[in-house]
Amino acid sequence: MGTGDEANGLIYTARGGILDTAHVRDTADYTLYLYSKIRGELGNEKEIVLEEELRSRVVKLKSVELEMSDEEKAQVELKLSALLAFRLAQWHEIAQWFGFTSVAGFKEYPSAFSPEDLYSNMLGALIAVEILENNPTPTKKEYQQAFSQIFLRKLEELGAQDGKRTEQIMNDLDKKWWDSGKRLPNKWVVKTRDYTPRLTIHPHWGDSDDRVTLSLAQYEQLEDYGYLTLVATKHEKSFSALPGYLKERSVWTKNSSMRLHSSLRRLMTSTS
């Protein structure tokens, strides 16, 4: 749903730390897309196949007998879409670490697990929830206008700073968060990473004592209705450093996610 002339970048906020606007928009867009596929389908068995990111990403809706009103069903579908869009963002960080390439010839190691990424993604999911609660079937123009309005309001609430202040913060974090002495695609352009998978995220930086914590934890139980699976592809050699019990699984699901994340965190911190 994005447009080619959108300007993306980093914005420093007093209450939310650094935001990556591309991550905010990406997860908002994915929430909208998933909702367009899930709406009216809750309780029905269905697969939503997405583009590969080292593994094939497949959202599976379960066949479940529902005892809820149409309004309650619509709310579950919307919030499940936001949660699954964030799950996709979590996987994207992992795929980047293991060499996912979205631009031919350029591996995305450097940006994997940058501390501002998933906070920004979660903000995007929450913005999309607000948009779709107000208008479940927006046109492209309506969606873009609503996103801009709500994002600007969120920036104000988070105490967004101007470009000069953002640049100052980035310079202050040189050699701490990032290293200006290194050049892409060096993985260690980013020196500080956040490897912990979670559904409640606190800002890493900020000038205010009342920093804004974001959370999707209240939606986690909705994965009883639908969940993300990651299916083996021809790119399995990318995961050669993982323990055998994970490599042997052709499908990763929520049931194996804790062991997956635990192994990934040990591996990542040992090589950082």
C-alpha atoms as a PDB file:
ATOM      1  CA  MET A   1       0.000   0.000   0.000  1.00  0.00           C
ATOM      2  CA  GLY A   2       3.035   2.273   0.178  1.00  0.00           C
ATOM      3  CA  THR A   3       3.986   4.787  -2.484  1.00  0.00           C
ATOM      4  CA  GLY A   4       7.285   5.240  -4.228  1.00  0.00           C
ATOM      5  CA  ASP A   5       7.677   8.853  -3.158  1.00  0.00           C
ATOM      6  CA  GLU A   6       7.441   8.204   0.590  1.00  0.00           C
ATOM      7  CA  ALA A   7      10.403   9.419   2.627  1.00  0.00           C
ATOM      8  CA  ASN A   8      11.681   6.939   5.208  1.00  0.00           C
ATOM      9  CA  GLY A   9      14.367   7.321   7.814  1.00  0.00           C
ATOM     10  CA  LEU A  10      15.115   7.589  11.523  1.00  0.00           C
ATOM     11  CA  ILE A  11      13.326   9.917  13.927  1.00  0.00           C
ATOM     12  CA  TYR A  12      14.412  10.406  17.525  1.00  0.00           C
ATOM     13  CA  THR A  13      11.614  10.719  20.080  1.00  0.00           C
ATOM     14  CA  ALA A  14      11.849  11.658  23.751  1.00  0.00           C
ATOM     15  CA  ARG A  15       9.432   8.945  24.893  1.00  0.00           C
ATOM     16  CA  GLY A  16       9.964   6.200  22.304  1.00  0.00           C
ATOM     17  CA  GLY A  17      13.633   6.462  21.449  1.00  0.00           C
ATOM     18  CA  ILE A  18      14.657   6.032  17.831  1.00  0.00           C
ATOM     19  CA  LEU A  19      11.975   5.094  15.308  1.00  0.00           C
ATOM     20  CA  ASP A  20      12.602   3.630  11.869  1.00  0.00           C
ATOM     21  CA  THR A  21       9.722   4.928   9.786  1.00  0.00           C
ATOM     22  CA  ALA A  22      10.117   2.202   7.142  1.00  0.00           C
ATOM     23  CA  HIS A  23       9.573  -0.465   9.803  1.00  0.00           C
ATOM     24  CA  VAL A  24       6.531   1.376  11.137  1.00  0.00           C
ATOM     25  CA  ARG A  25       4.932   1.505   7.700  1.00  0.00           C
ATOM     26  CA  ASP A  26       5.911  -2.028   6.704  1.00  0.00           C
ATOM     27  CA  THR A  27       4.127  -3.695   9.615  1.00  0.00           C
ATOM     28  CA  ALA A  28       1.110  -1.425   9.287  1.00  0.00           C
ATOM     29  CA  ASP A  29       0.877  -2.463   5.627  1.00  0.00           C
ATOM     30  CA  TYR A  30       1.266  -6.158   6.477  1.00  0.00           C
ATOM     31  CA  THR A  31      -1.493  -5.872   9.077  1.00  0.00           C
ATOM     32  CA  LEU A  32      -3.797  -4.441   6.429  1.00  0.00           C
ATOM     33  CA  TYR A  33      -2.846  -7.156   3.944  1.00  0.00           C
ATOM     34  CA  LEU A  34      -3.323 -10.016   6.391  1.00  0.00           C
ATOM     35  CA  TYR A  35      -6.624  -8.578   7.547  1.00  0.00           C
ATOM     36  CA  SER A  36      -7.825  -8.518   3.939  1.00  0.00           C
ATOM     37  CA  LYS A  37      -7.113 -12.269   3.790  1.00  0.00           C
ATOM     38  CA  ILE A  38      -8.353 -13.194   7.282  1.00  0.00           C
ATOM     39  CA  ARG A  39     -11.510 -11.050   7.410  1.00  0.00           C
ATOM     40  CA  GLY A  40     -14.551 -13.304   7.329  1.00  0.00           C
ATOM     41  CA  GLU A  41     -12.407 -16.453   7.583  1.00  0.00           C
ATOM     42  CA  LEU A  42     -11.950 -16.853  11.350  1.00  0.00           C
ATOM     43  CA  GLY A  43     -12.771 -20.418  12.356  1.00  0.00           C
ATOM     44  CA  ASN A  44     -12.167 -21.752   8.847  1.00  0.00           C
ATOM     45  CA  GLU A  45      -9.107 -23.739   7.817  1.00  0.00           C
ATOM     46  CA  LYS A  46      -7.072 -21.622   5.415  1.00  0.00           C
ATOM     47  CA  GLU A  47      -3.477 -21.029   4.316  1.00  0.00           C
ATOM     48  CA  ILE A  48      -2.036 -17.644   3.378  1.00  0.00           C
ATOM     49  CA  VAL A  49       1.247 -18.148   1.525  1.00  0.00           C
ATOM     50  CA  LEU A  50       3.645 -15.203   1.556  1.00  0.00           C
ATOM     51  CA  GLU A  51       6.913 -14.535  -0.249  1.00  0.00           C
ATOM     52  CA  GLU A  52       9.895 -16.533   0.986  1.00  0.00           C
ATOM     53  CA  GLU A  53      12.428 -15.069   3.396  1.00  0.00           C
ATOM     54  CA  LEU A  54      14.906 -17.995   3.518  1.00  0.00           C
ATOM     55  CA  ARG A  55      11.963 -20.123   4.655  1.00  0.00           C
ATOM     56  CA  SER A  56       8.494 -20.111   3.168  1.00  0.00           C
ATOM     57  CA  ARG A  57       6.202 -18.000   5.335  1.00  0.00           C
ATOM     58  CA  VAL A  58       2.739 -19.501   5.625  1.00  0.00           C
ATOM     59  CA  VAL A  59      -0.029 -18.217   7.881  1.00  0.00           C
ATOM     60  CA  LYS A  60      -2.400 -21.018   8.840  1.00  0.00           C
ATOM     61  CA  LEU A  61      -5.909 -20.429  10.093  1.00  0.00           C
ATOM     62  CA  LYS A  62      -7.378 -23.284  12.115  1.00  0.00           C
ATOM     63  CA  SER A  63     -10.778 -24.889  11.860  1.00  0.00           C
ATOM     64  CA  VAL A  64     -12.342 -23.857  15.160  1.00  0.00           C
ATOM     65  CA  GLU A  65     -15.943 -23.755  16.339  1.00  0.00           C
ATOM     66  CA  LEU A  66     -16.671 -20.150  17.265  1.00  0.00           C
ATOM     67  CA  GLU A  67     -18.995 -18.922  19.962  1.00  0.00           C
ATOM     68  CA  MET A  68     -18.858 -15.175  19.455  1.00  0.00           C
ATOM     69  CA  SER A  69     -20.834 -12.388  17.849  1.00  0.00           C
ATOM     70  CA  ASP A  70     -19.964 -11.014  14.412  1.00  0.00           C
ATOM     71  CA  GLU A  71     -18.527  -7.923  16.099  1.00  0.00           C
ATOM     72  CA  GLU A  72     -16.353 -10.015  18.409  1.00  0.00           C
ATOM     73  CA  LYS A  73     -15.213 -12.119  15.457  1.00  0.00           C
ATOM     74  CA  ALA A  74     -14.207  -8.999  13.510  1.00  0.00           C
ATOM     75  CA  GLN A  75     -12.187  -7.739  16.473  1.00  0.00           C
ATOM     76  CA  VAL A  76     -10.353 -11.056  16.777  1.00  0.00           C
ATOM     77  CA  GLU A  77      -9.582 -11.088  13.047  1.00  0.00           C
ATOM     78  CA  LEU A  78      -8.191  -7.566  13.216  1.00  0.00           C
ATOM     79  CA  LYS A  79      -6.039  -8.110  16.291  1.00  0.00           C
ATOM     80  CA  LEU A  80      -4.813 -11.478  15.044  1.00  0.00           C
ATOM     81  CA  SER A  81      -3.740  -9.779  11.810  1.00  0.00           C
ATOM     82  CA  ALA A  82      -1.713  -7.233  13.783  1.00  0.00           C
ATOM     83  CA  LEU A  83      -0.058  -9.941  15.879  1.00  0.00           C
ATOM     84  CA  LEU A  84       0.817 -12.050  12.841  1.00  0.00           C
ATOM     85  CA  ALA A  85       2.209  -9.010  11.033  1.00  0.00           C
ATOM     86  CA  PHE A  86       4.498  -8.485  14.013  1.00  0.00           C
ATOM     87  CA  ARG A  87       5.475 -12.176  13.975  1.00  0.00           C
ATOM     88  CA  LEU A  88       6.522 -11.653  10.361  1.00  0.00           C
ATOM     89  CA  ALA A  89       8.667  -8.718  11.482  1.00  0.00           C
ATOM     90  CA  GLN A  90      10.319 -10.890  14.141  1.00  0.00           C
ATOM     91  CA  TRP A  91      11.093 -13.531  11.544  1.00  0.00           C
ATOM     92  CA  HIS A  92      12.448 -10.900   9.156  1.00  0.00           C
ATOM     93  CA  GLU A  93      15.099  -9.948  11.724  1.00  0.00           C
ATOM     94  CA  ILE A  94      16.155 -13.593  12.035  1.00  0.00           C
ATOM     95  CA  ALA A  95      16.221 -14.068   8.269  1.00  0.00           C
ATOM     96  CA  GLN A  96      18.382 -10.963   7.902  1.00  0.00           C
ATOM     97  CA  TRP A  97      20.880 -12.341  10.398  1.00  0.00           C
ATOM     98  CA  PHE A  98      21.195 -15.538   8.403  1.00  0.00           C
ATOM     99  CA  GLY A  99      21.809 -13.718   5.140  1.00  0.00           C
ATOM    100  CA  PHE A 100      18.423 -12.953   3.621  1.00  0.00           C
ATOM    101  CA  THR A 101      18.824 -10.902   0.453  1.00  0.00           C
ATOM    102  CA  SER A 102      16.016  -8.637  -0.716  1.00  0.00           C
ATOM    103  CA  VAL A 103      18.217  -6.675  -3.111  1.00  0.00           C
ATOM    104  CA  ALA A 104      20.247  -8.917  -5.413  1.00  0.00           C
ATOM    105  CA  GLY A 105      23.790  -9.348  -4.138  1.00  0.00           C
ATOM    106  CA  PHE A 106      23.287  -7.429  -0.889  1.00  0.00           C
ATOM    107  CA  LYS A 107      22.860  -9.471   2.276  1.00  0.00           C
ATOM    108  CA  GLU A 108      21.052  -7.705   5.110  1.00  0.00           C
ATOM    109  CA  TYR A 109      23.310  -8.794   7.994  1.00  0.00           C
ATOM    110  CA  PRO A 110      24.015  -5.230   9.215  1.00  0.00           C
ATOM    111  CA  SER A 111      20.422  -4.274   9.973  1.00  0.00           C
ATOM    112  CA  ALA A 112      19.367  -7.470  11.755  1.00  0.00           C
ATOM    113  CA  PHE A 113      18.095  -6.902  15.295  1.00  0.00           C
ATOM    114  CA  SER A 114      18.964  -3.213  15.367  1.00  0.00           C
ATOM    115  CA  PRO A 115      17.410  -2.075  18.687  1.00  0.00           C
ATOM    116  CA  GLU A 116      14.852   0.292  17.179  1.00  0.00           C
ATOM    117  CA  ASP A 117      13.498  -2.158  14.617  1.00  0.00           C
ATOM    118  CA  LEU A 118      10.865  -4.182  16.444  1.00  0.00           C
ATOM    119  CA  TYR A 119       9.625  -1.258  18.551  1.00  0.00           C
ATOM    120  CA  SER A 120       8.983   0.517  15.249  1.00  0.00           C
ATOM    121  CA  ASN A 121       7.291  -2.568  13.795  1.00  0.00           C
ATOM    122  CA  MET A 122       5.023  -2.880  16.814  1.00  0.00           C
ATOM    123  CA  LEU A 123       4.060   0.772  16.567  1.00  0.00           C
ATOM    124  CA  GLY A 124       3.047   0.118  12.960  1.00  0.00           C
ATOM    125  CA  ALA A 125       0.871  -2.828  13.981  1.00  0.00           C
ATOM    126  CA  LEU A 126      -0.899  -0.731  16.610  1.00  0.00           C
ATOM    127  CA  ILE A 127      -1.447   2.118  14.154  1.00  0.00           C
ATOM    128  CA  ALA A 128      -3.026  -0.328  11.705  1.00  0.00           C
ATOM    129  CA  VAL A 129      -5.359  -1.638  14.404  1.00  0.00           C
ATOM    130  CA  GLU A 130      -6.603   1.896  15.005  1.00  0.00           C
ATOM    131  CA  ILE A 131      -7.048   2.531  11.280  1.00  0.00           C
ATOM    132  CA  LEU A 132      -9.010  -0.663  10.710  1.00  0.00           C
ATOM    133  CA  GLU A 133     -11.155  -0.275  13.808  1.00  0.00           C
ATOM    134  CA  ASN A 134     -12.324   3.031  12.368  1.00  0.00           C
ATOM    135  CA  ASN A 135     -12.630   1.772   8.784  1.00  0.00           C
ATOM    136  CA  PRO A 136     -12.385  -2.014   8.200  1.00  0.00           C
ATOM    137  CA  THR A 137     -12.336  -1.674   4.396  1.00  0.00           C
ATOM    138  CA  PRO A 138     -10.343   1.445   3.523  1.00  0.00           C
ATOM    139  CA  THR A 139      -9.455   2.366  -0.022  1.00  0.00           C
ATOM    140  CA  LYS A 140      -5.763   2.870  -0.734  1.00  0.00           C
ATOM    141  CA  LYS A 141      -6.193   6.634  -0.433  1.00  0.00           C
ATOM    142  CA  GLU A 142      -8.196   6.355   2.791  1.00  0.00           C
ATOM    143  CA  TYR A 143      -5.596   4.028   4.290  1.00  0.00           C
ATOM    144  CA  GLN A 144      -2.687   6.282   3.382  1.00  0.00           C
ATOM    145  CA  GLN A 145      -4.431   9.358   4.755  1.00  0.00           C
ATOM    146  CA  ALA A 146      -5.382   7.583   7.983  1.00  0.00           C
ATOM    147  CA  PHE A 147      -1.863   6.215   8.416  1.00  0.00           C
ATOM    148  CA  SER A 148      -0.326   9.665   7.984  1.00  0.00           C
ATOM    149  CA  GLN A 149      -2.752  11.258  10.439  1.00  0.00           C
ATOM    150  CA  ILE A 150      -2.351   8.633  13.146  1.00  0.00           C
ATOM    151  CA  PHE A 151       1.419   8.322  12.724  1.00  0.00           C
ATOM    152  CA  LEU A 152       1.829  12.086  13.042  1.00  0.00           C
ATOM    153  CA  ARG A 153      -0.270  12.000  16.197  1.00  0.00           C
ATOM    154  CA  LYS A 154       1.827   9.146  17.591  1.00  0.00           C
ATOM    155  CA  LEU A 155       5.011  11.070  16.815  1.00  0.00           C
ATOM    156  CA  GLU A 156       3.667  14.043  18.737  1.00  0.00           C
ATOM    157  CA  GLU A 157       2.685  11.815  21.667  1.00  0.00           C
ATOM    158  CA  LEU A 158       6.160  10.257  21.676  1.00  0.00           C
ATOM    159  CA  GLY A 159       7.840  13.654  21.622  1.00  0.00           C
ATOM    160  CA  ALA A 160       9.391  13.509  18.153  1.00  0.00           C
ATOM    161  CA  GLN A 161      12.479  15.688  17.715  1.00  0.00           C
ATOM    162  CA  ASP A 162      13.655  17.546  14.629  1.00  0.00           C
ATOM    163  CA  GLY A 163      16.305  16.376  12.193  1.00  0.00           C
ATOM    164  CA  LYS A 164      19.089  18.286  13.921  1.00  0.00           C
ATOM    165  CA  ARG A 165      18.370  16.628  17.273  1.00  0.00           C
ATOM    166  CA  THR A 166      18.084  13.201  15.635  1.00  0.00           C
ATOM    167  CA  GLU A 167      21.447  13.714  13.938  1.00  0.00           C
ATOM    168  CA  GLN A 168      22.991  14.754  17.253  1.00  0.00           C
ATOM    169  CA  ILE A 169      21.686  11.600  18.941  1.00  0.00           C
ATOM    170  CA  MET A 170      23.032   9.431  16.129  1.00  0.00           C
ATOM    171  CA  ASN A 171      26.442  11.076  16.463  1.00  0.00           C
ATOM    172  CA  ASP A 172      26.366  10.544  20.230  1.00  0.00           C
ATOM    173  CA  LEU A 173      25.653   6.841  19.666  1.00  0.00           C
ATOM    174  CA  ASP A 174      28.568   6.407  17.250  1.00  0.00           C
ATOM    175  CA  LYS A 175      30.813   3.576  18.501  1.00  0.00           C
ATOM    176  CA  LYS A 176      28.038   2.549  20.924  1.00  0.00           C
ATOM    177  CA  TRP A 177      25.051   1.651  18.773  1.00  0.00           C
ATOM    178  CA  TRP A 178      26.696   1.935  15.372  1.00  0.00           C
ATOM    179  CA  ASP A 179      30.211   2.394  13.998  1.00  0.00           C
ATOM    180  CA  SER A 180      30.820   5.145  11.449  1.00  0.00           C
ATOM    181  CA  GLY A 181      34.243   3.652  10.783  1.00  0.00           C
ATOM    182  CA  LYS A 182      32.713   0.589   9.141  1.00  0.00           C
ATOM    183  CA  ARG A 183      30.956   0.443   5.803  1.00  0.00           C
ATOM    184  CA  LEU A 184      28.111  -1.671   4.492  1.00  0.00           C
ATOM    185  CA  PRO A 185      27.784  -4.596   4.076  1.00  0.00           C
ATOM    186  CA  ASN A 186      30.000  -5.132   7.153  1.00  0.00           C
ATOM    187  CA  LYS A 187      27.759  -6.873   9.716  1.00  0.00           C
ATOM    188  CA  TRP A 188      29.206  -4.852  12.573  1.00  0.00           C
ATOM    189  CA  VAL A 189      28.184  -1.429  11.332  1.00  0.00           C
ATOM    190  CA  VAL A 190      25.563  -2.009  14.034  1.00  0.00           C
ATOM    191  CA  LYS A 191      27.301  -2.675  17.351  1.00  0.00           C
ATOM    192  CA  THR A 192      24.290  -3.029  19.669  1.00  0.00           C
ATOM    193  CA  ARG A 193      21.454  -5.430  18.923  1.00  0.00           C
ATOM    194  CA  ASP A 194      18.315  -6.633  20.635  1.00  0.00           C
ATOM    195  CA  TYR A 195      18.003 -10.393  20.240  1.00  0.00           C
ATOM    196  CA  THR A 196      15.186 -11.001  22.737  1.00  0.00           C
ATOM    197  CA  PRO A 197      11.854 -12.042  21.152  1.00  0.00           C
ATOM    198  CA  ARG A 198       8.925 -10.603  23.087  1.00  0.00           C
ATOM    199  CA  LEU A 199       5.524  -9.010  22.715  1.00  0.00           C
ATOM    200  CA  THR A 200       6.129  -6.145  25.153  1.00  0.00           C
ATOM    201  CA  ILE A 201       8.889  -3.708  24.187  1.00  0.00           C
ATOM    202  CA  HIS A 202      10.401  -0.825  26.130  1.00  0.00           C
ATOM    203  CA  PRO A 203      12.262   1.948  24.262  1.00  0.00           C
ATOM    204  CA  HIS A 204      16.042   1.633  24.329  1.00  0.00           C
ATOM    205  CA  TRP A 205      16.572   5.379  24.416  1.00  0.00           C
ATOM    206  CA  GLY A 206      14.740   8.552  25.310  1.00  0.00           C
ATOM    207  CA  ASP A 207      14.998  11.781  27.286  1.00  0.00           C
ATOM    208  CA  SER A 208      11.831  11.304  29.298  1.00  0.00           C
ATOM    209  CA  ASP A 209      11.137   9.336  32.469  1.00  0.00           C
ATOM    210  CA  ASP A 210       7.722   8.364  31.109  1.00  0.00           C
ATOM    211  CA  ARG A 211       8.866   6.411  28.082  1.00  0.00           C
ATOM    212  CA  VAL A 212       6.117   4.592  26.218  1.00  0.00           C
ATOM    213  CA  THR A 213       6.053   0.806  26.397  1.00  0.00           C
ATOM    214  CA  LEU A 214       4.308  -0.940  23.505  1.00  0.00           C
ATOM    215  CA  SER A 215       2.676  -4.357  23.777  1.00  0.00           C
ATOM    216  CA  LEU A 216       0.797  -6.950  21.753  1.00  0.00           C
ATOM    217  CA  ALA A 217       0.938  -9.493  24.587  1.00  0.00           C
ATOM    218  CA  GLN A 218      -2.806  -9.153  25.128  1.00  0.00           C
ATOM    219  CA  TYR A 219      -3.338 -10.670  21.673  1.00  0.00           C
ATOM    220  CA  GLU A 220      -1.095 -13.724  22.096  1.00  0.00           C
ATOM    221  CA  GLN A 221      -3.956 -16.117  22.904  1.00  0.00           C
ATOM    222  CA  LEU A 222      -5.454 -15.318  19.508  1.00  0.00           C
ATOM    223  CA  GLU A 223      -2.860 -17.613  17.942  1.00  0.00           C
ATOM    224  CA  ASP A 224      -5.250 -20.395  18.926  1.00  0.00           C
ATOM    225  CA  TYR A 225      -7.130 -19.319  15.781  1.00  0.00           C
ATOM    226  CA  GLY A 226      -4.192 -18.777  13.434  1.00  0.00           C
ATOM    227  CA  TYR A 227      -0.412 -18.807  13.492  1.00  0.00           C
ATOM    228  CA  LEU A 228       2.732 -18.367  11.420  1.00  0.00           C
ATOM    229  CA  THR A 229       4.618 -21.375  10.083  1.00  0.00           C
ATOM    230  CA  LEU A 230       8.057 -21.339   8.487  1.00  0.00           C
ATOM    231  CA  VAL A 231       8.556 -24.098   5.949  1.00  0.00           C
ATOM    232  CA  ALA A 232      11.918 -25.402   4.739  1.00  0.00           C
ATOM    233  CA  THR A 233      13.100 -24.280   1.288  1.00  0.00           C
ATOM    234  CA  LYS A 234      16.200 -24.602  -0.876  1.00  0.00           C
ATOM    235  CA  HIS A 235      17.893 -22.071   1.412  1.00  0.00           C
ATOM    236  CA  GLU A 236      18.269 -24.421   4.406  1.00  0.00           C
ATOM    237  CA  LYS A 237      22.073 -24.238   4.217  1.00  0.00           C
ATOM    238  CA  SER A 238      21.708 -20.688   5.515  1.00  0.00           C
ATOM    239  CA  PHE A 239      20.837 -22.225   8.904  1.00  0.00           C
ATOM    240  CA  SER A 240      23.823 -24.581   9.083  1.00  0.00           C
ATOM    241  CA  ALA A 241      24.946 -23.102  12.424  1.00  0.00           C
ATOM    242  CA  LEU A 242      21.706 -24.082  14.176  1.00  0.00           C
ATOM    243  CA  PRO A 243      21.441 -27.204  16.366  1.00  0.00           C
ATOM    244  CA  GLY A 244      20.505 -30.406  14.584  1.00  0.00           C
ATOM    245  CA  TYR A 245      17.106 -30.768  16.241  1.00  0.00           C
ATOM    246  CA  LEU A 246      16.056 -27.485  14.646  1.00  0.00           C
ATOM    247  CA  LYS A 247      17.592 -28.143  11.251  1.00  0.00           C
ATOM    248  CA  GLU A 248      15.768 -31.465  11.111  1.00  0.00           C
ATOM    249  CA  ARG A 249      12.378 -29.770  11.390  1.00  0.00           C
ATOM    250  CA  SER A 250      10.944 -28.976   7.978  1.00  0.00           C
ATOM    251  CA  VAL A 251       8.294 -26.769   9.581  1.00  0.00           C
ATOM    252  CA  TRP A 252       8.845 -24.342  12.432  1.00  0.00           C
ATOM    253  CA  THR A 253       5.721 -23.341  14.326  1.00  0.00           C
ATOM    254  CA  LYS A 254       4.821 -21.673  17.599  1.00  0.00           C
ATOM    255  CA  ASN A 255       5.389 -25.006  19.360  1.00  0.00           C
ATOM    256  CA  SER A 256       9.078 -24.940  18.436  1.00  0.00           C
ATOM    257  CA  SER A 257       9.536 -21.165  18.609  1.00  0.00           C
ATOM    258  CA  MET A 258      10.856 -21.030  22.163  1.00  0.00           C
ATOM    259  CA  ARG A 259      13.615 -23.522  21.408  1.00  0.00           C
ATOM    260  CA  LEU A 260      14.313 -21.769  18.125  1.00  0.00           C
ATOM    261  CA  HIS A 261      14.659 -18.364  19.762  1.00  0.00           C
ATOM    262  CA  SER A 262      16.739 -19.764  22.619  1.00  0.00           C
ATOM    263  CA  SER A 263      19.170 -21.355  20.170  1.00  0.00           C
ATOM    264  CA  LEU A 264      19.265 -18.247  18.014  1.00  0.00           C
ATOM    265  CA  ARG A 265      19.987 -15.997  20.967  1.00  0.00           C
ATOM    266  CA  ARG A 266      22.864 -18.186  22.172  1.00  0.00           C
ATOM    267  CA  LEU A 267      24.269 -18.346  18.661  1.00  0.00           C
ATOM    268  CA  MET A 268      23.888 -14.634  17.988  1.00  0.00           C
ATOM    269  CA  THR A 269      25.368 -13.422  21.260  1.00  0.00           C
ATOM    270  CA  SER A 270      28.308 -15.798  20.910  1.00  0.00           C
ATOM    271  CA  THR A 271      29.182 -14.260  17.528  1.00  0.00           C
ATOM    272  CA  SER A 272      28.466 -10.619  18.365  1.00  0.00           C
END
